[in-house]
Amino acid sequence: MSLAKLRRDNWLRLLAVAGQDIDLVEGTVEDNIRMARRGASPEEVATAARIAGAMEIIETLPEGYENWIGQKGMNLSGGQRQRIALARAVLCDPQFLILDEAMSNLDRPLEENIQSALSERFAGRTVLLITHRLETALAADHIVCLDGGEVVQEGTPSALMADRSGLLSRMLNRKAAAIS
């Protein structure tokens, strides 16, 4: 169906966003996840939390899902807030998921676990991943490299890596040199 034929509210139901800037509300962990879909079953909430890597947080909280997270989630760390917000986006079960630096506060192994769970859950759907982490970008099907707000390179990770003069290769080489 053409986007021109879709009503805006119907189109918006097809997408979900999780980002670096997290909008949590004063309430419980469950309140914040369920904002995406109030009628979701407890199993659906738990599945979204598991995919987002939030279950390890929830299981350690004194009151679990009913734990009060404070105003804007200030009782949680940045990474914990990101995982709760990501669980909310997953619970939407969108056709188009936008992740704008949504895992920037997570360590690499946790991010890889979440990426794997997201890939499985959203297979056959579109996930737009905006990241500064080169390792994260390399796991994508298609990469678009921006420099100064301009598209300077795009293609599959292997094609971009093969172009030694391209931005992605240069950035990876710089990173490898810095590590050495």
N, C-alpha and C. Protein backbone atom coordinates (compact mmCIF):
# COMPACT_ATOMS: atom_id res chain seq x y z
N MET A 1 0.84 -1.18 0.00
CA MET A 1 0.00 0.00 0.00
C MET A 1 0.89 1.24 0.00
N SER A 2 0.50 2.22 -0.74
CA SER A 2 1.23 3.47 -0.84
C SER A 2 1.10 4.27 0.46
N LEU A 3 2.20 4.90 0.87
CA LEU A 3 2.15 5.75 2.07
C LEU A 3 1.14 6.88 1.90
N ALA A 4 0.95 7.34 0.69
CA ALA A 4 0.01 8.43 0.43
C ALA A 4 -1.42 8.02 0.78
N LYS A 5 -1.70 6.72 0.73
CA LYS A 5 -3.05 6.23 1.01
C LYS A 5 -3.27 5.90 2.49
N LEU A 6 -2.17 5.90 3.26
CA LEU A 6 -2.28 5.61 4.69
C LEU A 6 -2.61 6.86 5.48
N ARG A 7 -3.48 6.71 6.45
CA ARG A 7 -3.72 7.81 7.38
C ARG A 7 -2.53 7.89 8.32
N ARG A 8 -2.20 9.08 8.76
CA ARG A 8 -1.02 9.30 9.59
C ARG A 8 -1.03 8.42 10.84
N ASP A 9 -2.17 8.34 11.54
CA ASP A 9 -2.22 7.53 12.76
C ASP A 9 -2.03 6.05 12.47
N ASN A 10 -2.51 5.55 11.33
CA ASN A 10 -2.28 4.16 10.95
C ASN A 10 -0.82 3.92 10.63
N TRP A 11 -0.19 4.88 9.94
CA TRP A 11 1.22 4.76 9.59
C TRP A 11 2.08 4.76 10.85
N LEU A 12 1.76 5.64 11.80
CA LEU A 12 2.55 5.73 13.03
C LEU A 12 2.47 4.44 13.85
N ARG A 13 1.38 3.70 13.74
CA ARG A 13 1.27 2.42 14.45
C ARG A 13 2.22 1.37 13.89
N LEU A 14 2.74 1.60 12.70
CA LEU A 14 3.65 0.64 12.07
C LEU A 14 5.09 0.81 12.54
N LEU A 15 5.39 1.89 13.29
CA LEU A 15 6.78 2.10 13.70
C LEU A 15 6.91 2.36 15.18
N ALA A 16 8.13 2.11 15.65
CA ALA A 16 8.48 2.39 17.05
C ALA A 16 9.91 2.92 17.05
N VAL A 17 10.20 3.73 18.06
CA VAL A 17 11.51 4.36 18.17
C VAL A 17 12.05 4.16 19.58
N ALA A 18 13.32 3.83 19.66
CA ALA A 18 14.04 3.83 20.93
C ALA A 18 15.33 4.58 20.66
N GLY A 19 15.68 5.48 21.57
CA GLY A 19 16.85 6.30 21.30
C GLY A 19 17.74 6.52 22.49
N GLN A 20 18.71 7.36 22.25
CA GLN A 20 19.68 7.73 23.27
C GLN A 20 19.01 8.58 24.35
N ASP A 21 18.11 9.44 23.94
CA ASP A 21 17.35 10.26 24.87
C ASP A 21 16.12 9.48 25.29
N ILE A 22 16.06 9.13 26.54
CA ILE A 22 15.04 8.21 27.03
C ILE A 22 13.93 8.96 27.73
N ASP A 23 12.70 8.70 27.32
CA ASP A 23 11.55 9.32 27.95
C ASP A 23 10.83 8.30 28.81
N LEU A 24 11.22 8.21 30.06
CA LEU A 24 10.51 7.37 31.01
C LEU A 24 9.67 8.28 31.89
N VAL A 25 8.62 7.71 32.44
CA VAL A 25 7.73 8.49 33.30
C VAL A 25 7.84 7.99 34.73
N GLU A 26 7.44 8.82 35.65
CA GLU A 26 7.44 8.40 37.05
C GLU A 26 6.39 7.31 37.18
N GLY A 27 6.82 6.18 37.64
CA GLY A 27 5.94 5.02 37.77
C GLY A 27 6.78 3.77 37.93
N THR A 28 6.17 2.64 37.64
CA THR A 28 6.87 1.36 37.78
C THR A 28 7.56 0.98 36.48
N VAL A 29 8.39 -0.04 36.56
CA VAL A 29 9.02 -0.59 35.37
C VAL A 29 7.93 -1.03 34.39
N GLU A 30 6.94 -1.74 34.90
CA GLU A 30 5.87 -2.23 34.04
C GLU A 30 5.08 -1.09 33.41
N ASP A 31 4.80 -0.04 34.16
CA ASP A 31 4.09 1.13 33.59
C ASP A 31 4.84 1.65 32.38
N ASN A 32 6.15 1.74 32.51
CA ASN A 32 6.97 2.31 31.45
C ASN A 32 7.06 1.41 30.23
N ILE A 33 7.07 0.11 30.40
CA ILE A 33 7.10 -0.79 29.26
C ILE A 33 5.72 -0.82 28.60
N ARG A 34 4.67 -0.92 29.40
CA ARG A 34 3.30 -1.04 28.89
C ARG A 34 2.79 0.21 28.18
N MET A 35 3.50 1.32 28.31
CA MET A 35 3.06 2.53 27.61
C MET A 35 2.89 2.25 26.11
N ALA A 36 3.65 1.30 25.61
CA ALA A 36 3.60 0.97 24.18
C ALA A 36 2.28 0.30 23.79
N ARG A 37 1.78 -0.53 24.69
CA ARG A 37 0.57 -1.29 24.38
C ARG A 37 -0.07 -1.71 25.69
N ARG A 38 -0.99 -0.91 26.16
CA ARG A 38 -1.62 -1.13 27.47
C ARG A 38 -2.25 -2.51 27.62
N GLY A 39 -2.78 -3.05 26.54
CA GLY A 39 -3.47 -4.34 26.62
C GLY A 39 -2.57 -5.56 26.46
N ALA A 40 -1.27 -5.35 26.46
CA ALA A 40 -0.35 -6.48 26.28
C ALA A 40 -0.46 -7.44 27.45
N SER A 41 -0.30 -8.72 27.15
CA SER A 41 -0.34 -9.74 28.20
C SER A 41 0.96 -9.69 29.01
N PRO A 42 0.94 -10.26 30.22
CA PRO A 42 2.18 -10.33 30.99
C PRO A 42 3.29 -11.07 30.24
N GLU A 43 2.93 -12.09 29.47
CA GLU A 43 3.92 -12.83 28.69
C GLU A 43 4.54 -11.96 27.61
N GLU A 44 3.73 -11.12 26.96
CA GLU A 44 4.26 -10.22 25.93
C GLU A 44 5.20 -9.18 26.53
N VAL A 45 4.86 -8.67 27.70
CA VAL A 45 5.73 -7.72 28.39
C VAL A 45 7.04 -8.39 28.75
N ALA A 46 6.97 -9.62 29.28
CA ALA A 46 8.18 -10.35 29.66
C ALA A 46 9.05 -10.66 28.44
N THR A 47 8.44 -11.02 27.33
CA THR A 47 9.20 -11.29 26.11
C THR A 47 9.91 -10.04 25.63
N ALA A 48 9.21 -8.91 25.63
CA ALA A 48 9.83 -7.64 25.21
C ALA A 48 10.99 -7.29 26.14
N ALA A 49 10.82 -7.49 27.43
CA ALA A 49 11.88 -7.21 28.40
C ALA A 49 13.08 -8.12 28.17
N ARG A 50 12.82 -9.39 27.87
CA ARG A 50 13.91 -10.34 27.62
C ARG A 50 14.69 -9.93 26.37
N ILE A 51 13.99 -9.62 25.29
CA ILE A 51 14.65 -9.23 24.05
C ILE A 51 15.51 -7.99 24.26
N ALA A 52 15.02 -7.05 25.05
CA ALA A 52 15.72 -5.79 25.30
C ALA A 52 16.81 -5.90 26.36
N GLY A 53 17.01 -7.10 26.90
CA GLY A 53 18.03 -7.27 27.92
C GLY A 53 17.65 -6.67 29.26
N ALA A 54 16.37 -6.43 29.46
CA ALA A 54 15.90 -5.79 30.69
C ALA A 54 15.55 -6.77 31.81
N MET A 55 15.43 -8.07 31.49
CA MET A 55 15.04 -9.03 32.52
C MET A 55 16.06 -9.10 33.64
N GLU A 56 17.35 -8.99 33.32
CA GLU A 56 18.37 -9.05 34.38
C GLU A 56 18.23 -7.86 35.33
N ILE A 57 17.73 -6.75 34.85
CA ILE A 57 17.46 -5.60 35.73
C ILE A 57 16.25 -5.92 36.60
N ILE A 58 15.17 -6.30 35.94
CA ILE A 58 13.89 -6.53 36.61
C ILE A 58 14.03 -7.59 37.69
N GLU A 59 14.77 -8.65 37.40
CA GLU A 59 14.92 -9.74 38.36
C GLU A 59 15.72 -9.33 39.60
N THR A 60 16.53 -8.28 39.50
CA THR A 60 17.31 -7.84 40.66
C THR A 60 16.62 -6.75 41.46
N LEU A 61 15.58 -6.16 40.92
CA LEU A 61 14.86 -5.10 41.64
C LEU A 61 14.01 -5.71 42.75
N PRO A 62 13.94 -5.05 43.90
CA PRO A 62 13.19 -5.60 45.04
C PRO A 62 11.74 -5.95 44.71
N GLU A 63 11.10 -5.13 43.88
CA GLU A 63 9.69 -5.38 43.55
C GLU A 63 9.49 -5.76 42.09
N GLY A 64 10.57 -6.13 41.42
CA GLY A 64 10.47 -6.58 40.03
C GLY A 64 9.79 -5.56 39.14
N TYR A 65 8.80 -6.01 38.39
CA TYR A 65 8.07 -5.12 37.48
C TYR A 65 7.38 -3.98 38.21
N GLU A 66 7.04 -4.20 39.47
CA GLU A 66 6.32 -3.18 40.24
C GLU A 66 7.25 -2.19 40.94
N ASN A 67 8.54 -2.29 40.68
CA ASN A 67 9.51 -1.37 41.28
C ASN A 67 9.31 0.04 40.74
N TRP A 68 9.28 1.01 41.65
CA TRP A 68 9.11 2.41 41.30
C TRP A 68 10.45 2.93 40.78
N ILE A 69 10.46 3.53 39.59
CA ILE A 69 11.73 3.94 39.00
C ILE A 69 12.04 5.43 39.19
N GLY A 70 11.13 6.16 39.80
CA GLY A 70 11.39 7.58 40.04
C GLY A 70 11.08 8.45 38.83
N GLN A 71 11.16 9.74 39.06
CA GLN A 71 10.87 10.70 38.00
C GLN A 71 11.89 10.52 36.87
N LYS A 72 11.40 10.35 35.64
CA LYS A 72 12.22 10.12 34.46
C LYS A 72 13.14 8.91 34.60
N GLY A 73 12.80 7.99 35.50
CA GLY A 73 13.59 6.78 35.67
C GLY A 73 14.92 7.01 36.36
N MET A 74 15.00 8.06 37.16
CA MET A 74 16.27 8.43 37.77
C MET A 74 16.79 7.41 38.79
N ASN A 75 15.98 6.45 39.20
CA ASN A 75 16.46 5.40 40.09
C ASN A 75 17.22 4.31 39.33
N LEU A 76 17.31 4.47 38.01
CA LEU A 76 18.00 3.49 37.16
C LEU A 76 19.21 4.15 36.50
N SER A 77 20.19 3.34 36.13
CA SER A 77 21.35 3.86 35.39
C SER A 77 20.92 4.17 33.95
N GLY A 78 21.80 4.83 33.21
CA GLY A 78 21.52 5.16 31.82
C GLY A 78 21.28 3.91 30.98
N GLY A 79 22.10 2.90 31.16
CA GLY A 79 21.93 1.66 30.41
C GLY A 79 20.64 0.94 30.79
N GLN A 80 20.27 0.98 32.06
CA GLN A 80 19.01 0.36 32.49
C GLN A 80 17.82 1.10 31.89
N ARG A 81 17.88 2.43 31.89
CA ARG A 81 16.80 3.21 31.28
C ARG A 81 16.69 2.89 29.79
N GLN A 82 17.83 2.77 29.10
CA GLN A 82 17.79 2.45 27.67
C GLN A 82 17.13 1.10 27.43
N ARG A 83 17.40 0.12 28.27
CA ARG A 83 16.81 -1.21 28.07
C ARG A 83 15.31 -1.21 28.34
N ILE A 84 14.86 -0.42 29.30
CA ILE A 84 13.41 -0.31 29.55
C ILE A 84 12.74 0.36 28.36
N ALA A 85 13.35 1.42 27.83
CA ALA A 85 12.79 2.11 26.66
C ALA A 85 12.80 1.20 25.44
N LEU A 86 13.84 0.40 25.29
CA LEU A 86 13.91 -0.54 24.18
C LEU A 86 12.83 -1.61 24.31
N ALA A 87 12.60 -2.08 25.53
CA ALA A 87 11.52 -3.06 25.76
C ALA A 87 10.18 -2.47 25.34
N ARG A 88 9.98 -1.21 25.63
CA ARG A 88 8.74 -0.53 25.22
C ARG A 88 8.60 -0.55 23.69
N ALA A 89 9.68 -0.24 22.99
CA ALA A 89 9.63 -0.23 21.52
C ALA A 89 9.39 -1.64 20.98
N VAL A 90 10.01 -2.65 21.58
CA VAL A 90 9.81 -4.03 21.15
C VAL A 90 8.37 -4.45 21.38
N LEU A 91 7.79 -4.04 22.49
CA LEU A 91 6.39 -4.40 22.80
C LEU A 91 5.43 -3.86 21.75
N CYS A 92 5.78 -2.76 21.10
CA CYS A 92 4.94 -2.23 20.00
C CYS A 92 4.82 -3.23 18.86
N ASP A 93 5.85 -4.10 18.72
CA ASP A 93 5.92 -5.08 17.65
C ASP A 93 5.73 -4.42 16.29
N PRO A 94 6.56 -3.39 16.00
CA PRO A 94 6.37 -2.61 14.78
C PRO A 94 6.89 -3.30 13.53
N GLN A 95 6.46 -2.79 12.40
CA GLN A 95 7.01 -3.23 11.13
C GLN A 95 8.32 -2.50 10.83
N PHE A 96 8.49 -1.32 11.46
CA PHE A 96 9.66 -0.48 11.23
C PHE A 96 10.16 0.00 12.58
N LEU A 97 11.32 -0.49 13.00
CA LEU A 97 11.90 -0.14 14.29
C LEU A 97 13.10 0.77 14.07
N ILE A 98 13.07 1.93 14.72
CA ILE A 98 14.17 2.89 14.62
C ILE A 98 14.92 2.89 15.94
N LEU A 99 16.21 2.58 15.88
CA LEU A 99 17.07 2.55 17.06
C LEU A 99 18.14 3.63 16.88
N ASP A 100 17.95 4.75 17.55
CA ASP A 100 18.86 5.88 17.42
C ASP A 100 19.78 5.92 18.63
N GLU A 101 20.96 5.29 18.50
CA GLU A 101 21.91 5.19 19.61
C GLU A 101 21.23 4.56 20.83
N ALA A 102 20.31 3.64 20.59
CA ALA A 102 19.47 3.06 21.64
C ALA A 102 20.23 2.16 22.59
N MET A 103 21.46 1.80 22.25
CA MET A 103 22.26 0.93 23.13
C MET A 103 23.62 1.56 23.43
N SER A 104 23.71 2.85 23.33
CA SER A 104 24.99 3.55 23.50
C SER A 104 25.55 3.45 24.92
N ASN A 105 24.71 3.21 25.90
CA ASN A 105 25.16 3.09 27.29
C ASN A 105 25.40 1.65 27.73
N LEU A 106 25.38 0.72 26.77
CA LEU A 106 25.55 -0.69 27.10
C LEU A 106 26.95 -1.16 26.71
N ASP A 107 27.45 -2.15 27.43
CA ASP A 107 28.74 -2.70 27.04
C ASP A 107 28.54 -3.58 25.80
N ARG A 108 29.62 -3.83 25.10
CA ARG A 108 29.57 -4.52 23.82
C ARG A 108 28.96 -5.93 23.90
N PRO A 109 29.33 -6.78 24.88
CA PRO A 109 28.70 -8.12 24.92
C PRO A 109 27.18 -8.06 25.12
N LEU A 110 26.71 -7.16 25.97
CA LEU A 110 25.27 -7.03 26.18
C LEU A 110 24.60 -6.53 24.90
N GLU A 111 25.21 -5.56 24.25
CA GLU A 111 24.66 -5.05 22.99
C GLU A 111 24.56 -6.17 21.96
N GLU A 112 25.58 -7.01 21.86
CA GLU A 112 25.57 -8.11 20.90
C GLU A 112 24.43 -9.09 21.20
N ASN A 113 24.20 -9.39 22.47
CA ASN A 113 23.09 -10.27 22.85
C ASN A 113 21.75 -9.67 22.45
N ILE A 114 21.59 -8.39 22.72
CA ILE A 114 20.33 -7.72 22.38
C ILE A 114 20.17 -7.65 20.87
N GLN A 115 21.24 -7.34 20.14
CA GLN A 115 21.18 -7.29 18.68
C GLN A 115 20.73 -8.64 18.11
N SER A 116 21.27 -9.71 18.67
CA SER A 116 20.90 -11.05 18.21
C SER A 116 19.41 -11.31 18.44
N ALA A 117 18.93 -10.96 19.63
CA ALA A 117 17.50 -11.15 19.94
C ALA A 117 16.62 -10.28 19.05
N LEU A 118 17.06 -9.06 18.79
CA LEU A 118 16.30 -8.16 17.91
C LEU A 118 16.27 -8.70 16.48
N SER A 119 17.40 -9.21 16.01
CA SER A 119 17.46 -9.76 14.65
C SER A 119 16.48 -10.92 14.48
N GLU A 120 16.41 -11.76 15.51
CA GLU A 120 15.49 -12.89 15.46
C GLU A 120 14.04 -12.40 15.49
N ARG A 121 13.74 -11.50 16.39
CA ARG A 121 12.37 -11.01 16.56
C ARG A 121 11.88 -10.24 15.33
N PHE A 122 12.77 -9.42 14.74
CA PHE A 122 12.35 -8.54 13.66
C PHE A 122 12.80 -9.03 12.28
N ALA A 123 13.06 -10.32 12.16
CA ALA A 123 13.43 -10.89 10.86
C ALA A 123 12.32 -10.59 9.85
N GLY A 124 12.71 -10.12 8.68
CA GLY A 124 11.73 -9.80 7.64
C GLY A 124 11.12 -8.42 7.78
N ARG A 125 11.53 -7.68 8.80
CA ARG A 125 11.04 -6.32 9.00
C ARG A 125 12.22 -5.35 8.88
N THR A 126 11.92 -4.09 8.91
CA THR A 126 12.97 -3.08 8.77
C THR A 126 13.39 -2.55 10.13
N VAL A 127 14.71 -2.58 10.37
CA VAL A 127 15.28 -1.98 11.57
C VAL A 127 16.31 -0.96 11.09
N LEU A 128 16.07 0.29 11.42
CA LEU A 128 17.00 1.37 11.11
C LEU A 128 17.84 1.61 12.35
N LEU A 129 19.12 1.32 12.23
CA LEU A 129 20.03 1.42 13.37
C LEU A 129 20.97 2.59 13.15
N ILE A 130 20.90 3.57 14.01
CA ILE A 130 21.78 4.74 13.95
C ILE A 130 22.80 4.56 15.06
N THR A 131 24.08 4.51 14.69
CA THR A 131 25.11 4.23 15.68
C THR A 131 26.43 4.87 15.28
N HIS A 132 27.25 5.13 16.28
CA HIS A 132 28.63 5.55 16.06
C HIS A 132 29.58 4.37 16.28
N ARG A 133 29.07 3.25 16.78
CA ARG A 133 29.90 2.07 17.02
C ARG A 133 30.10 1.31 15.72
N LEU A 134 31.34 1.27 15.27
CA LEU A 134 31.63 0.61 14.01
C LEU A 134 31.28 -0.87 14.03
N GLU A 135 31.57 -1.54 15.16
CA GLU A 135 31.27 -2.97 15.26
C GLU A 135 29.78 -3.24 15.11
N THR A 136 28.97 -2.35 15.63
CA THR A 136 27.52 -2.49 15.51
C THR A 136 27.09 -2.34 14.06
N ALA A 137 27.65 -1.35 13.40
CA ALA A 137 27.29 -1.10 11.99
C ALA A 137 27.64 -2.28 11.11
N LEU A 138 28.74 -2.94 11.41
CA LEU A 138 29.20 -4.05 10.56
C LEU A 138 28.25 -5.25 10.59
N ALA A 139 27.38 -5.32 11.58
CA ALA A 139 26.42 -6.42 11.65
C ALA A 139 25.17 -6.17 10.81
N ALA A 140 25.06 -4.99 10.21
CA ALA A 140 23.88 -4.62 9.43
C ALA A 140 23.91 -5.26 8.04
N ASP A 141 22.76 -5.31 7.42
CA ASP A 141 22.65 -5.78 6.03
C ASP A 141 23.12 -4.72 5.05
N HIS A 142 22.86 -3.46 5.40
CA HIS A 142 23.17 -2.33 4.52
C HIS A 142 23.60 -1.17 5.41
N ILE A 143 24.67 -0.50 5.02
CA ILE A 143 25.20 0.61 5.80
C ILE A 143 25.15 1.88 4.96
N VAL A 144 24.77 2.97 5.60
CA VAL A 144 24.85 4.28 4.98
C VAL A 144 25.77 5.11 5.87
N CYS A 145 26.90 5.55 5.33
CA CYS A 145 27.88 6.35 6.09
C CYS A 145 27.64 7.82 5.82
N LEU A 146 27.53 8.58 6.89
CA LEU A 146 27.35 10.02 6.79
C LEU A 146 28.61 10.73 7.27
N ASP A 147 28.94 11.80 6.63
CA ASP A 147 30.05 12.65 7.05
C ASP A 147 29.60 14.08 6.85
N GLY A 148 29.54 14.82 7.94
CA GLY A 148 29.08 16.20 7.84
C GLY A 148 27.65 16.31 7.37
N GLY A 149 26.84 15.31 7.68
CA GLY A 149 25.43 15.33 7.29
C GLY A 149 25.18 14.89 5.86
N GLU A 150 26.22 14.51 5.15
CA GLU A 150 26.09 14.07 3.76
C GLU A 150 26.34 12.57 3.66
N VAL A 151 25.60 11.89 2.80
CA VAL A 151 25.86 10.48 2.53
C VAL A 151 27.12 10.41 1.68
N VAL A 152 28.14 9.72 2.20
CA VAL A 152 29.41 9.60 1.47
C VAL A 152 29.68 8.18 1.00
N GLN A 153 28.95 7.22 1.52
CA GLN A 153 29.19 5.84 1.15
C GLN A 153 27.98 5.02 1.59
N GLU A 154 27.61 4.04 0.78
CA GLU A 154 26.57 3.11 1.20
C GLU A 154 26.71 1.80 0.46
N GLY A 155 26.25 0.74 1.14
CA GLY A 155 26.30 -0.59 0.56
C GLY A 155 26.37 -1.64 1.64
N THR A 156 26.68 -2.86 1.24
CA THR A 156 26.82 -3.94 2.21
C THR A 156 28.11 -3.74 2.99
N PRO A 157 28.19 -4.28 4.19
CA PRO A 157 29.43 -4.15 4.96
C PRO A 157 30.65 -4.65 4.19
N SER A 158 30.53 -5.79 3.50
CA SER A 158 31.68 -6.33 2.77
C SER A 158 32.11 -5.41 1.63
N ALA A 159 31.15 -4.83 0.93
CA ALA A 159 31.49 -3.91 -0.16
C ALA A 159 32.17 -2.66 0.38
N LEU A 160 31.69 -2.14 1.49
CA LEU A 160 32.28 -0.94 2.06
C LEU A 160 33.67 -1.22 2.62
N MET A 161 33.85 -2.41 3.19
CA MET A 161 35.15 -2.78 3.74
C MET A 161 36.17 -2.97 2.61
N ALA A 162 35.71 -3.42 1.46
CA ALA A 162 36.61 -3.65 0.32
C ALA A 162 37.12 -2.34 -0.27
N ASP A 163 36.39 -1.27 -0.07
CA ASP A 163 36.80 0.05 -0.58
C ASP A 163 37.74 0.69 0.43
N ARG A 164 39.02 0.46 0.27
CA ARG A 164 40.04 0.94 1.22
C ARG A 164 40.08 2.46 1.36
N SER A 165 39.61 3.17 0.35
CA SER A 165 39.62 4.64 0.44
C SER A 165 38.32 5.19 1.03
N GLY A 166 37.36 4.31 1.26
CA GLY A 166 36.06 4.74 1.78
C GLY A 166 36.10 5.09 3.26
N LEU A 167 35.12 5.83 3.69
CA LEU A 167 35.04 6.31 5.07
C LEU A 167 35.05 5.16 6.08
N LEU A 168 34.27 4.12 5.85
CA LEU A 168 34.20 3.03 6.81
C LEU A 168 35.55 2.35 6.99
N SER A 169 36.23 2.03 5.91
CA SER A 169 37.56 1.41 6.01
C SER A 169 38.54 2.33 6.73
N ARG A 170 38.52 3.61 6.40
CA ARG A 170 39.44 4.55 7.05
C ARG A 170 39.17 4.63 8.55
N MET A 171 37.91 4.64 8.93
CA MET A 171 37.56 4.71 10.35
C MET A 171 38.00 3.44 11.07
N LEU A 172 37.77 2.29 10.46
CA LEU A 172 38.20 1.03 11.07
C LEU A 172 39.71 0.95 11.19
N ASN A 173 40.42 1.42 10.19
CA ASN A 173 41.89 1.42 10.24
C ASN A 173 42.39 2.34 11.36
N ARG A 174 41.77 3.51 11.51
CA ARG A 174 42.13 4.41 12.59
C ARG A 174 41.89 3.79 13.94
N LYS A 175 40.76 3.10 14.06
CA LYS A 175 40.45 2.46 15.34
C LYS A 175 41.45 1.34 15.65
N ALA A 176 41.79 0.54 14.63
CA ALA A 176 42.76 -0.54 14.83
C ALA A 176 44.12 0.03 15.22
N ALA A 177 44.51 1.13 14.59
CA ALA A 177 45.80 1.76 14.91
C ALA A 177 45.81 2.30 16.33
N ALA A 178 44.71 2.82 16.77
CA ALA A 178 44.61 3.38 18.12
C ALA A 178 44.69 2.28 19.17
N ILE A 179 44.19 1.10 18.85
CA ILE A 179 44.21 -0.03 19.78
C ILE A 179 45.61 -0.63 19.88
N SER A 180 46.33 -0.61 18.76
CA SER A 180 47.68 -1.21 18.72
C SER A 180 48.67 -0.50 19.60
